[in-house]
N, C-alpha and C. Protein backbone atom coordinates (compact mmCIF):
# COMPACT_ATOMS: atom_id res chain seq x y z
N MET A 1 205.80 87.18 27.37
CA MET A 1 205.78 86.15 28.39
C MET A 1 207.19 85.78 28.83
N PHE A 2 208.09 85.53 27.85
CA PHE A 2 209.42 85.06 28.17
C PHE A 2 210.26 86.15 28.80
N ARG A 3 210.00 87.41 28.46
CA ARG A 3 210.87 88.48 28.92
C ARG A 3 210.74 88.73 30.42
N ARG A 4 209.68 88.25 31.05
CA ARG A 4 209.51 88.49 32.47
C ARG A 4 210.38 87.55 33.30
N LEU A 5 211.00 86.58 32.67
CA LEU A 5 211.79 85.60 33.39
C LEU A 5 213.23 86.07 33.53
N THR A 6 213.88 85.63 34.58
CA THR A 6 215.30 85.88 34.75
C THR A 6 216.04 84.59 34.46
N PHE A 7 216.89 84.62 33.47
CA PHE A 7 217.62 83.42 33.07
C PHE A 7 218.97 83.44 33.78
N GLY A 8 219.15 82.62 34.79
CA GLY A 8 220.40 82.55 35.51
C GLY A 8 221.33 81.54 34.90
N SER A 9 222.17 81.01 35.72
CA SER A 9 223.19 80.08 35.22
C SER A 9 222.75 78.63 35.33
N ARG A 10 221.44 78.40 35.54
CA ARG A 10 220.97 77.06 35.82
C ARG A 10 221.31 76.06 34.73
N PHE A 11 221.32 76.55 33.47
CA PHE A 11 221.50 75.61 32.38
C PHE A 11 222.95 75.33 32.06
N VAL A 12 223.84 76.09 32.64
CA VAL A 12 225.25 75.81 32.39
C VAL A 12 225.67 74.77 33.42
N HIS A 13 225.24 73.56 33.24
CA HIS A 13 225.55 72.48 34.15
C HIS A 13 225.75 71.21 33.35
N ALA A 14 226.12 70.17 34.04
CA ALA A 14 226.60 68.97 33.35
C ALA A 14 225.56 68.35 32.44
N ARG A 15 224.30 68.26 32.89
CA ARG A 15 223.34 67.54 32.05
C ARG A 15 222.99 68.33 30.80
N PHE A 16 223.08 69.66 30.85
CA PHE A 16 222.81 70.45 29.65
C PHE A 16 223.92 70.24 28.63
N VAL A 17 225.16 70.27 29.10
CA VAL A 17 226.29 70.03 28.19
C VAL A 17 226.19 68.62 27.62
N ALA A 18 225.85 67.64 28.48
CA ALA A 18 225.71 66.27 27.99
C ALA A 18 224.61 66.17 26.95
N ALA A 19 223.53 66.91 27.16
CA ALA A 19 222.42 66.88 26.20
C ALA A 19 222.87 67.40 24.84
N LEU A 20 223.64 68.49 24.84
CA LEU A 20 224.12 69.04 23.58
C LEU A 20 225.03 68.06 22.86
N LEU A 21 225.87 67.36 23.61
CA LEU A 21 226.74 66.38 22.99
C LEU A 21 225.95 65.25 22.36
N MET A 22 224.89 64.82 23.06
CA MET A 22 224.05 63.75 22.52
C MET A 22 223.34 64.22 21.26
N LEU A 23 222.86 65.45 21.27
CA LEU A 23 222.20 66.00 20.10
C LEU A 23 223.18 66.10 18.94
N ALA A 24 224.41 66.49 19.24
CA ALA A 24 225.42 66.62 18.19
C ALA A 24 225.63 65.30 17.46
N ILE A 25 225.77 64.24 18.23
CA ILE A 25 225.99 62.92 17.63
C ILE A 25 224.78 62.51 16.80
N GLY A 26 223.60 62.70 17.37
CA GLY A 26 222.38 62.28 16.67
C GLY A 26 222.13 63.04 15.40
N LEU A 27 222.33 64.35 15.44
CA LEU A 27 222.06 65.16 14.26
C LEU A 27 223.07 64.92 13.15
N THR A 28 224.33 64.71 13.52
CA THR A 28 225.33 64.42 12.49
C THR A 28 225.01 63.12 11.78
N ALA A 29 224.60 62.11 12.56
CA ALA A 29 224.24 60.82 11.96
C ALA A 29 223.02 60.96 11.08
N ALA A 30 222.04 61.75 11.53
CA ALA A 30 220.81 61.92 10.75
C ALA A 30 221.10 62.60 9.42
N ALA A 31 221.95 63.62 9.46
CA ALA A 31 222.26 64.35 8.23
C ALA A 31 223.00 63.44 7.23
N SER A 32 223.94 62.65 7.72
CA SER A 32 224.68 61.76 6.83
C SER A 32 223.77 60.70 6.23
N LYS A 33 222.91 60.14 7.07
CA LYS A 33 221.98 59.12 6.61
C LYS A 33 221.04 59.68 5.57
N ALA A 34 220.55 60.90 5.81
CA ALA A 34 219.61 61.51 4.89
C ALA A 34 220.26 61.74 3.53
N ALA A 35 221.49 62.24 3.55
CA ALA A 35 222.17 62.52 2.29
C ALA A 35 222.40 61.24 1.50
N ALA A 36 222.68 60.14 2.20
CA ALA A 36 222.98 58.90 1.51
C ALA A 36 221.73 58.20 1.00
N GLN A 37 220.61 58.33 1.75
CA GLN A 37 219.45 57.51 1.45
C GLN A 37 218.40 58.18 0.58
N ALA A 38 218.27 59.50 0.68
CA ALA A 38 217.21 60.16 -0.09
C ALA A 38 217.55 60.09 -1.57
N SER A 39 216.68 59.48 -2.37
CA SER A 39 217.04 59.19 -3.75
C SER A 39 216.21 59.95 -4.78
N LYS A 40 215.17 60.65 -4.35
CA LYS A 40 214.35 61.39 -5.29
C LYS A 40 214.83 62.82 -5.40
N PRO A 41 214.60 63.45 -6.57
CA PRO A 41 215.07 64.83 -6.75
C PRO A 41 214.47 65.81 -5.74
N ASP A 42 213.19 65.66 -5.43
CA ASP A 42 212.54 66.61 -4.53
C ASP A 42 212.70 66.18 -3.09
N VAL A 43 213.74 66.67 -2.46
CA VAL A 43 213.97 66.39 -1.05
C VAL A 43 213.83 67.67 -0.23
N SER A 44 212.99 68.57 -0.70
CA SER A 44 212.88 69.87 -0.04
C SER A 44 212.32 69.77 1.38
N LYS A 45 211.43 68.81 1.61
CA LYS A 45 210.89 68.67 2.97
C LYS A 45 211.95 68.11 3.91
N LEU A 46 212.66 67.10 3.46
CA LEU A 46 213.76 66.56 4.25
C LEU A 46 214.81 67.63 4.50
N GLY A 47 215.16 68.38 3.45
CA GLY A 47 216.13 69.46 3.61
C GLY A 47 215.67 70.51 4.60
N THR A 48 214.39 70.83 4.55
CA THR A 48 213.84 71.81 5.49
C THR A 48 213.98 71.33 6.93
N TRP A 49 213.69 70.05 7.15
CA TRP A 49 213.81 69.50 8.50
C TRP A 49 215.25 69.57 8.99
N LEU A 50 216.19 69.18 8.14
CA LEU A 50 217.60 69.19 8.53
C LEU A 50 218.11 70.60 8.78
N VAL A 51 217.67 71.55 7.97
CA VAL A 51 218.05 72.95 8.21
C VAL A 51 217.57 73.38 9.59
N GLY A 52 216.31 73.09 9.90
CA GLY A 52 215.74 73.52 11.17
C GLY A 52 216.42 72.90 12.38
N THR A 53 216.64 71.59 12.34
CA THR A 53 217.24 70.94 13.51
C THR A 53 218.70 71.32 13.68
N GLN A 54 219.45 71.34 12.59
CA GLN A 54 220.86 71.71 12.68
C GLN A 54 221.03 73.15 13.16
N LEU A 55 220.22 74.05 12.60
CA LEU A 55 220.30 75.45 13.00
C LEU A 55 219.84 75.63 14.44
N GLY A 56 218.82 74.86 14.83
CA GLY A 56 218.34 74.95 16.20
C GLY A 56 219.41 74.59 17.22
N VAL A 57 220.13 73.50 16.99
CA VAL A 57 221.19 73.10 17.90
C VAL A 57 222.35 74.10 17.87
N ALA A 58 222.69 74.57 16.68
CA ALA A 58 223.76 75.57 16.57
C ALA A 58 223.41 76.82 17.37
N ALA A 59 222.16 77.25 17.27
CA ALA A 59 221.73 78.48 17.95
C ALA A 59 221.74 78.31 19.47
N ILE A 60 221.33 77.14 19.95
CA ILE A 60 221.36 76.89 21.40
C ILE A 60 222.78 77.04 21.93
N SER A 61 223.72 76.43 21.24
CA SER A 61 225.12 76.49 21.66
C SER A 61 225.70 77.89 21.50
N TYR A 62 225.36 78.54 20.38
CA TYR A 62 225.93 79.86 20.09
C TYR A 62 225.43 80.92 21.07
N PHE A 63 224.13 81.05 21.19
CA PHE A 63 223.59 82.15 22.00
C PHE A 63 223.85 81.95 23.50
N ARG A 64 223.96 80.70 23.92
CA ARG A 64 224.29 80.44 25.32
C ARG A 64 225.79 80.34 25.55
N ASN A 65 226.55 80.32 24.44
CA ASN A 65 228.01 80.24 24.52
C ASN A 65 228.45 79.05 25.35
N THR A 66 227.85 77.89 25.06
CA THR A 66 228.11 76.68 25.84
C THR A 66 229.02 75.69 25.12
N GLY A 67 229.46 76.02 23.91
CA GLY A 67 230.32 75.10 23.19
C GLY A 67 230.38 75.46 21.72
N PRO A 68 231.14 74.70 20.94
CA PRO A 68 231.27 74.99 19.50
C PRO A 68 229.95 74.80 18.78
N HIS A 69 229.68 75.69 17.88
CA HIS A 69 228.43 75.64 17.12
C HIS A 69 228.66 75.52 15.62
N GLU A 70 229.90 75.72 15.19
CA GLU A 70 230.19 75.90 13.76
C GLU A 70 229.80 74.69 12.92
N LYS A 71 230.04 73.50 13.41
CA LYS A 71 229.75 72.30 12.63
C LYS A 71 228.27 72.23 12.28
N PHE A 72 227.42 72.51 13.24
CA PHE A 72 225.98 72.44 13.01
C PHE A 72 225.49 73.59 12.15
N PHE A 73 226.08 74.76 12.38
CA PHE A 73 225.70 75.91 11.57
C PHE A 73 226.08 75.69 10.11
N ASP A 74 227.29 75.20 9.89
CA ASP A 74 227.74 74.96 8.52
C ASP A 74 226.88 73.89 7.84
N GLU A 75 226.48 72.90 8.59
CA GLU A 75 225.61 71.86 8.03
C GLU A 75 224.25 72.45 7.66
N ALA A 76 223.70 73.30 8.52
CA ALA A 76 222.43 73.95 8.23
C ALA A 76 222.54 74.81 6.97
N ARG A 77 223.61 75.57 6.88
CA ARG A 77 223.81 76.43 5.71
C ARG A 77 223.95 75.61 4.43
N SER A 78 224.65 74.49 4.53
CA SER A 78 224.84 73.63 3.36
C SER A 78 223.52 73.02 2.91
N ARG A 79 222.73 72.52 3.86
CA ARG A 79 221.43 71.94 3.52
C ARG A 79 220.48 73.00 2.96
N ALA A 80 220.57 74.19 3.51
CA ALA A 80 219.72 75.28 3.02
C ALA A 80 220.07 75.63 1.58
N LYS A 81 221.35 75.66 1.27
CA LYS A 81 221.79 75.98 -0.09
C LYS A 81 221.24 74.95 -1.07
N GLU A 82 221.19 73.69 -0.66
CA GLU A 82 220.69 72.63 -1.53
C GLU A 82 219.23 72.83 -1.92
N ILE A 83 218.47 73.49 -1.05
CA ILE A 83 217.05 73.72 -1.35
C ILE A 83 216.78 75.19 -1.70
N GLY A 84 217.84 75.93 -2.00
CA GLY A 84 217.68 77.29 -2.50
C GLY A 84 217.36 78.34 -1.46
N ILE A 85 217.81 78.12 -0.22
CA ILE A 85 217.54 79.05 0.88
C ILE A 85 218.87 79.52 1.46
N THR A 86 218.91 80.78 1.88
CA THR A 86 220.13 81.36 2.45
C THR A 86 220.04 81.43 3.96
N VAL A 87 221.10 81.01 4.62
CA VAL A 87 221.21 81.14 6.08
C VAL A 87 222.30 82.17 6.36
N LYS A 88 221.92 83.27 6.96
CA LYS A 88 222.87 84.34 7.27
C LYS A 88 223.67 83.98 8.53
N ASP A 89 224.81 84.65 8.68
CA ASP A 89 225.60 84.48 9.89
C ASP A 89 224.76 84.86 11.11
N PHE A 90 225.04 84.23 12.24
CA PHE A 90 224.36 84.61 13.48
C PHE A 90 224.69 86.06 13.84
N PRO A 91 223.76 86.76 14.47
CA PRO A 91 224.06 88.11 14.97
C PRO A 91 225.01 88.01 16.16
N PRO A 92 225.56 89.13 16.61
CA PRO A 92 226.45 89.09 17.78
C PRO A 92 225.74 88.49 18.99
N ARG A 93 226.51 87.81 19.81
CA ARG A 93 225.96 87.26 21.06
C ARG A 93 225.62 88.40 22.01
N PRO A 94 224.67 88.16 22.92
CA PRO A 94 224.42 89.17 23.96
C PRO A 94 225.63 89.30 24.87
N ALA A 95 225.78 90.47 25.46
CA ALA A 95 226.93 90.73 26.32
C ALA A 95 226.96 89.80 27.53
N LYS A 96 225.78 89.48 28.05
CA LYS A 96 225.68 88.61 29.22
C LYS A 96 225.16 87.24 28.78
N SER A 97 225.86 86.19 29.21
CA SER A 97 225.44 84.85 28.83
C SER A 97 224.06 84.51 29.40
N SER A 98 223.69 85.17 30.50
CA SER A 98 222.39 84.92 31.10
C SER A 98 221.25 85.39 30.20
N GLU A 99 221.56 86.21 29.18
CA GLU A 99 220.54 86.68 28.25
C GLU A 99 220.48 85.83 26.98
N GLY A 100 221.22 84.73 26.99
CA GLY A 100 221.31 83.90 25.80
C GLY A 100 220.00 83.29 25.37
N LEU A 101 219.18 82.84 26.33
CA LEU A 101 217.91 82.23 25.95
C LEU A 101 216.94 83.24 25.37
N ILE A 102 216.99 84.46 25.87
CA ILE A 102 216.16 85.51 25.29
C ILE A 102 216.58 85.78 23.85
N ALA A 103 217.90 85.85 23.63
CA ALA A 103 218.40 86.07 22.27
C ALA A 103 218.03 84.91 21.35
N LEU A 104 218.05 83.71 21.89
CA LEU A 104 217.65 82.53 21.11
C LEU A 104 216.20 82.65 20.66
N LEU A 105 215.32 83.02 21.56
CA LEU A 105 213.91 83.18 21.22
C LEU A 105 213.72 84.28 20.18
N GLU A 106 214.42 85.38 20.37
CA GLU A 106 214.28 86.49 19.43
C GLU A 106 214.76 86.11 18.03
N TYR A 107 215.80 85.34 17.96
CA TYR A 107 216.35 84.92 16.67
C TYR A 107 215.31 84.13 15.87
N PHE A 108 214.63 83.20 16.54
CA PHE A 108 213.67 82.37 15.82
C PHE A 108 212.27 82.98 15.74
N ASN A 109 211.98 83.92 16.61
CA ASN A 109 210.63 84.51 16.60
C ASN A 109 210.52 85.73 15.70
N LYS A 110 211.61 86.52 15.59
CA LYS A 110 211.53 87.72 14.76
C LYS A 110 212.84 88.10 14.09
N GLY A 111 213.88 87.31 14.29
CA GLY A 111 215.17 87.60 13.68
C GLY A 111 215.39 86.81 12.40
N ASP A 112 216.67 86.59 12.07
CA ASP A 112 217.00 85.89 10.84
C ASP A 112 216.50 84.46 10.83
N GLY A 113 216.40 83.85 12.01
CA GLY A 113 215.85 82.50 12.07
C GLY A 113 214.41 82.46 11.62
N ALA A 114 213.64 83.47 11.99
CA ALA A 114 212.26 83.57 11.52
C ALA A 114 212.22 83.88 10.03
N GLY A 115 213.20 84.65 9.55
CA GLY A 115 213.26 84.98 8.13
C GLY A 115 213.42 83.76 7.24
N ILE A 116 214.11 82.74 7.75
CA ILE A 116 214.26 81.51 6.98
C ILE A 116 212.90 80.85 6.77
N GLY A 117 212.09 80.86 7.81
CA GLY A 117 210.74 80.32 7.68
C GLY A 117 209.93 81.08 6.65
N ALA A 118 210.07 82.41 6.64
CA ALA A 118 209.36 83.22 5.65
C ALA A 118 209.84 82.92 4.24
N ASP A 119 211.15 82.72 4.08
CA ASP A 119 211.70 82.38 2.76
C ASP A 119 211.18 81.02 2.29
N LEU A 120 211.10 80.09 3.19
CA LEU A 120 210.57 78.77 2.84
C LEU A 120 209.11 78.85 2.42
N ARG A 121 208.36 79.70 3.10
CA ARG A 121 206.95 79.87 2.74
C ARG A 121 206.82 80.45 1.33
N ARG A 122 207.64 81.44 1.03
CA ARG A 122 207.58 82.06 -0.30
C ARG A 122 207.99 81.08 -1.40
N LYS A 123 208.98 80.27 -1.12
CA LYS A 123 209.52 79.38 -2.15
C LYS A 123 208.72 78.09 -2.30
N TYR A 124 208.27 77.54 -1.16
CA TYR A 124 207.63 76.22 -1.20
C TYR A 124 206.20 76.18 -0.68
N GLY A 125 205.85 77.12 0.21
CA GLY A 125 204.50 77.12 0.74
C GLY A 125 204.45 76.91 2.24
N ALA A 126 203.23 76.87 2.78
CA ALA A 126 203.00 76.83 4.22
C ALA A 126 203.53 75.56 4.86
N TYR A 127 203.46 74.44 4.15
CA TYR A 127 203.93 73.18 4.73
C TYR A 127 205.38 73.30 5.18
N HIS A 128 206.22 73.81 4.30
CA HIS A 128 207.64 73.88 4.60
C HIS A 128 207.94 74.85 5.74
N SER A 129 207.26 75.98 5.77
CA SER A 129 207.52 76.94 6.84
C SER A 129 207.08 76.38 8.19
N SER A 130 205.97 75.66 8.22
CA SER A 130 205.51 75.04 9.47
C SER A 130 206.43 73.91 9.90
N LEU A 131 206.90 73.13 8.94
CA LEU A 131 207.83 72.04 9.24
C LEU A 131 209.13 72.60 9.81
N TYR A 132 209.61 73.67 9.22
CA TYR A 132 210.82 74.32 9.72
C TYR A 132 210.63 74.81 11.15
N ASP A 133 209.48 75.38 11.44
CA ASP A 133 209.22 75.88 12.78
C ASP A 133 209.27 74.76 13.81
N VAL A 134 208.67 73.63 13.47
CA VAL A 134 208.71 72.47 14.37
C VAL A 134 210.16 72.03 14.59
N ALA A 135 210.91 71.93 13.50
CA ALA A 135 212.29 71.45 13.59
C ALA A 135 213.18 72.40 14.38
N ALA A 136 213.06 73.70 14.11
CA ALA A 136 213.94 74.68 14.73
C ALA A 136 213.73 74.77 16.24
N HIS A 137 212.51 74.53 16.70
CA HIS A 137 212.20 74.65 18.12
C HIS A 137 212.26 73.31 18.86
N LEU A 138 212.48 72.23 18.14
CA LEU A 138 212.39 70.91 18.76
C LEU A 138 213.29 70.77 19.99
N PHE A 139 214.56 71.10 19.84
CA PHE A 139 215.50 70.87 20.93
C PHE A 139 215.51 71.99 21.96
N GLN A 140 214.72 73.02 21.72
CA GLN A 140 214.51 74.03 22.76
C GLN A 140 213.54 73.54 23.83
N MET A 141 212.66 72.62 23.45
CA MET A 141 211.60 72.21 24.36
C MET A 141 212.11 71.64 25.68
N PRO A 142 213.08 70.72 25.68
CA PRO A 142 213.56 70.23 26.98
C PRO A 142 214.16 71.33 27.84
N ILE A 143 214.84 72.29 27.21
CA ILE A 143 215.49 73.35 27.95
C ILE A 143 214.47 74.24 28.66
N PHE A 144 213.49 74.71 27.91
CA PHE A 144 212.49 75.60 28.51
C PHE A 144 211.54 74.85 29.43
N TYR A 145 211.30 73.59 29.12
CA TYR A 145 210.48 72.77 30.02
C TYR A 145 211.17 72.62 31.37
N ASP A 146 212.48 72.43 31.35
CA ASP A 146 213.23 72.29 32.59
C ASP A 146 213.26 73.59 33.38
N LEU A 147 213.25 74.70 32.68
CA LEU A 147 213.21 76.01 33.34
C LEU A 147 211.85 76.25 33.98
N ASP A 148 210.81 75.96 33.23
CA ASP A 148 209.44 76.16 33.70
C ASP A 148 208.53 75.30 32.83
N PRO A 149 207.85 74.29 33.39
CA PRO A 149 207.00 73.43 32.57
C PRO A 149 205.97 74.17 31.72
N GLN A 150 205.51 75.32 32.19
CA GLN A 150 204.54 76.08 31.41
C GLN A 150 205.16 76.64 30.13
N LEU A 151 206.44 76.90 30.15
CA LEU A 151 207.13 77.32 28.93
C LEU A 151 207.20 76.14 27.96
N GLY A 152 207.44 74.97 28.51
CA GLY A 152 207.39 73.77 27.68
C GLY A 152 206.03 73.56 27.06
N ASP A 153 204.98 73.86 27.83
CA ASP A 153 203.62 73.75 27.30
C ASP A 153 203.41 74.65 26.09
N LYS A 154 203.93 75.87 26.17
CA LYS A 154 203.77 76.82 25.06
C LYS A 154 204.43 76.30 23.79
N LEU A 155 205.65 75.82 23.93
CA LEU A 155 206.36 75.30 22.76
C LEU A 155 205.70 74.01 22.25
N SER A 156 205.23 73.20 23.18
CA SER A 156 204.55 71.96 22.78
C SER A 156 203.26 72.26 22.02
N GLN A 157 202.52 73.26 22.47
CA GLN A 157 201.29 73.61 21.80
C GLN A 157 201.56 74.15 20.40
N SER A 158 202.62 74.93 20.27
CA SER A 158 202.99 75.43 18.95
C SER A 158 203.35 74.27 18.02
N MET A 159 204.11 73.31 18.55
CA MET A 159 204.44 72.12 17.76
C MET A 159 203.18 71.38 17.35
N ARG A 160 202.26 71.18 18.28
CA ARG A 160 201.01 70.49 18.00
C ARG A 160 200.22 71.21 16.90
N ASN A 161 200.14 72.52 17.01
CA ASN A 161 199.38 73.29 16.01
C ASN A 161 199.98 73.14 14.62
N ASN A 162 201.30 73.29 14.54
CA ASN A 162 201.98 73.17 13.24
C ASN A 162 201.86 71.75 12.69
N ALA A 163 202.09 70.77 13.55
CA ALA A 163 202.05 69.38 13.10
C ALA A 163 200.66 68.99 12.62
N THR A 164 199.64 69.47 13.32
CA THR A 164 198.26 69.18 12.93
C THR A 164 197.92 69.87 11.61
N GLN A 165 198.37 71.11 11.48
CA GLN A 165 198.09 71.88 10.27
C GLN A 165 198.65 71.21 9.02
N ILE A 166 199.86 70.65 9.13
CA ILE A 166 200.47 70.03 7.95
C ILE A 166 200.27 68.51 7.94
N ARG A 167 199.46 68.03 8.88
CA ARG A 167 199.04 66.62 8.93
C ARG A 167 200.20 65.65 9.08
N LEU A 168 201.11 65.99 9.98
CA LEU A 168 202.13 65.02 10.33
C LEU A 168 201.49 63.90 11.14
N PRO A 169 201.85 62.66 10.89
CA PRO A 169 201.29 61.56 11.68
C PRO A 169 201.55 61.77 13.18
N GLU A 170 200.53 61.51 13.98
CA GLU A 170 200.66 61.73 15.42
C GLU A 170 201.78 60.91 16.03
N ARG A 171 202.05 59.75 15.49
CA ARG A 171 203.09 58.89 16.07
C ARG A 171 204.45 59.57 16.09
N LEU A 172 204.63 60.58 15.24
CA LEU A 172 205.92 61.25 15.14
C LEU A 172 206.13 62.30 16.22
N TRP A 173 205.08 63.04 16.57
CA TRP A 173 205.26 64.17 17.47
C TRP A 173 204.53 64.04 18.82
N LYS A 174 203.53 63.17 18.89
CA LYS A 174 202.72 63.10 20.10
C LYS A 174 203.50 62.61 21.32
N PRO A 175 204.46 61.69 21.18
CA PRO A 175 205.22 61.30 22.37
C PRO A 175 205.91 62.46 23.07
N VAL A 176 206.39 63.44 22.32
CA VAL A 176 207.01 64.62 22.94
C VAL A 176 205.94 65.44 23.67
N ALA A 177 204.83 65.68 22.99
CA ALA A 177 203.75 66.44 23.61
C ALA A 177 203.23 65.75 24.87
N ASP A 178 203.10 64.44 24.81
CA ASP A 178 202.60 63.69 25.97
C ASP A 178 203.60 63.75 27.13
N ALA A 179 204.88 63.64 26.84
CA ALA A 179 205.89 63.69 27.90
C ALA A 179 205.85 65.02 28.64
N ILE A 180 205.65 66.10 27.90
CA ILE A 180 205.55 67.42 28.53
C ILE A 180 204.25 67.56 29.30
N ALA A 181 203.14 67.14 28.70
CA ALA A 181 201.84 67.26 29.35
C ALA A 181 201.77 66.43 30.63
N GLN A 182 202.44 65.30 30.63
CA GLN A 182 202.43 64.41 31.79
C GLN A 182 203.52 64.75 32.80
N ARG A 183 204.23 65.82 32.55
CA ARG A 183 205.27 66.31 33.45
C ARG A 183 206.32 65.24 33.74
N LYS A 184 206.77 64.60 32.67
CA LYS A 184 207.84 63.64 32.80
C LYS A 184 209.15 64.38 33.11
N SER A 185 210.18 63.62 33.43
CA SER A 185 211.45 64.24 33.79
C SER A 185 212.12 64.89 32.58
N PHE A 186 213.08 65.75 32.88
CA PHE A 186 213.87 66.39 31.83
C PHE A 186 214.46 65.34 30.91
N GLU A 187 215.02 64.28 31.49
CA GLU A 187 215.67 63.25 30.70
C GLU A 187 214.70 62.56 29.75
N VAL A 188 213.48 62.32 30.21
CA VAL A 188 212.48 61.68 29.37
C VAL A 188 212.08 62.60 28.21
N VAL A 189 211.88 63.87 28.50
CA VAL A 189 211.51 64.83 27.45
C VAL A 189 212.65 64.96 26.45
N ARG A 190 213.87 65.05 26.95
CA ARG A 190 215.03 65.14 26.05
C ARG A 190 215.13 63.91 25.16
N SER A 191 214.93 62.74 25.74
CA SER A 191 214.98 61.51 24.96
C SER A 191 213.89 61.48 23.91
N ALA A 192 212.70 61.97 24.26
CA ALA A 192 211.58 61.98 23.32
C ALA A 192 211.86 62.89 22.13
N THR A 193 212.50 64.03 22.38
CA THR A 193 212.81 64.93 21.26
C THR A 193 213.87 64.31 20.35
N GLY A 194 214.84 63.61 20.94
CA GLY A 194 215.83 62.94 20.12
C GLY A 194 215.22 61.85 19.25
N GLN A 195 214.28 61.10 19.83
CA GLN A 195 213.60 60.06 19.06
C GLN A 195 212.73 60.67 17.97
N MET A 196 212.09 61.79 18.26
CA MET A 196 211.28 62.46 17.25
C MET A 196 212.13 62.90 16.07
N ASP A 197 213.32 63.43 16.35
CA ASP A 197 214.21 63.84 15.27
C ASP A 197 214.55 62.65 14.38
N LYS A 198 214.89 61.54 14.99
CA LYS A 198 215.22 60.33 14.23
C LYS A 198 214.02 59.86 13.40
N ASP A 199 212.85 59.80 14.03
CA ASP A 199 211.64 59.32 13.35
C ASP A 199 211.23 60.25 12.21
N MET A 200 211.33 61.56 12.44
CA MET A 200 210.96 62.52 11.41
C MET A 200 211.90 62.41 10.21
N THR A 201 213.19 62.25 10.48
CA THR A 201 214.15 62.13 9.38
C THR A 201 213.84 60.90 8.54
N GLU A 202 213.57 59.78 9.19
CA GLU A 202 213.24 58.56 8.46
C GLU A 202 211.94 58.72 7.68
N TYR A 203 210.96 59.36 8.30
CA TYR A 203 209.67 59.59 7.65
C TYR A 203 209.84 60.45 6.40
N LEU A 204 210.62 61.52 6.50
CA LEU A 204 210.78 62.44 5.36
C LEU A 204 211.64 61.83 4.25
N ILE A 205 212.53 60.92 4.60
CA ILE A 205 213.22 60.17 3.56
C ILE A 205 212.20 59.36 2.75
N LYS A 206 211.26 58.73 3.45
CA LYS A 206 210.22 57.96 2.76
C LYS A 206 209.31 58.86 1.95
N VAL A 207 209.04 60.05 2.46
CA VAL A 207 208.23 61.02 1.69
C VAL A 207 208.95 61.37 0.39
N ALA A 208 210.25 61.60 0.49
CA ALA A 208 211.03 61.96 -0.71
C ALA A 208 211.01 60.82 -1.73
N ARG A 209 210.95 59.60 -1.24
CA ARG A 209 210.92 58.45 -2.14
C ARG A 209 209.53 58.11 -2.64
N GLY A 210 208.53 58.80 -2.11
CA GLY A 210 207.15 58.51 -2.51
C GLY A 210 206.55 57.34 -1.75
N GLU A 211 207.21 56.92 -0.65
CA GLU A 211 206.72 55.80 0.13
C GLU A 211 205.77 56.23 1.24
N GLU A 212 205.76 57.52 1.54
CA GLU A 212 204.85 58.12 2.51
C GLU A 212 204.31 59.39 1.91
N LYS A 213 203.14 59.82 2.41
CA LYS A 213 202.55 61.07 1.93
C LYS A 213 202.87 62.19 2.89
């Protein structure tokens, strides 16, 4: 489905760069807060979420060559190490920046990004691999939605399927799904994904503490 599209330079514009900067600030704060607040030994679910979101943002920046990615990649690798998972270096970038989104999809669908999900499944089970999938694709949704709302629908449906399978509370993910289904603006969808990241991090801290199931 994705390969039939031509990815031009549409995303190399001011609001995309601004979105990445906003994500950078939010994710750094979330990671620091998680490290400080999670007090139980088993923080594998929280760690899985942080690996997915940090790696997701790093991959968006890396494959599109839109800015520095190292801080987020290093954070993902560090969090992965804490839960016994290895994150390999990114593969070479595509020769043409216009092919960056295709490379991004391939990385998470069948490349090393997908391999992390498989490793999580082997080590922890289906819950963790599904949680990772939701996290890794979260910040892709506004981008593909802005390109074509039907692409946003596909990613939203995948999120819904995974979230339902592992019984994540609807309050955490449904606002993003609703924003896409209702064809809200790019800014609204982007804001919803940022709020979901914050809410999920707080929820998983409580899970680690035994305050949520």
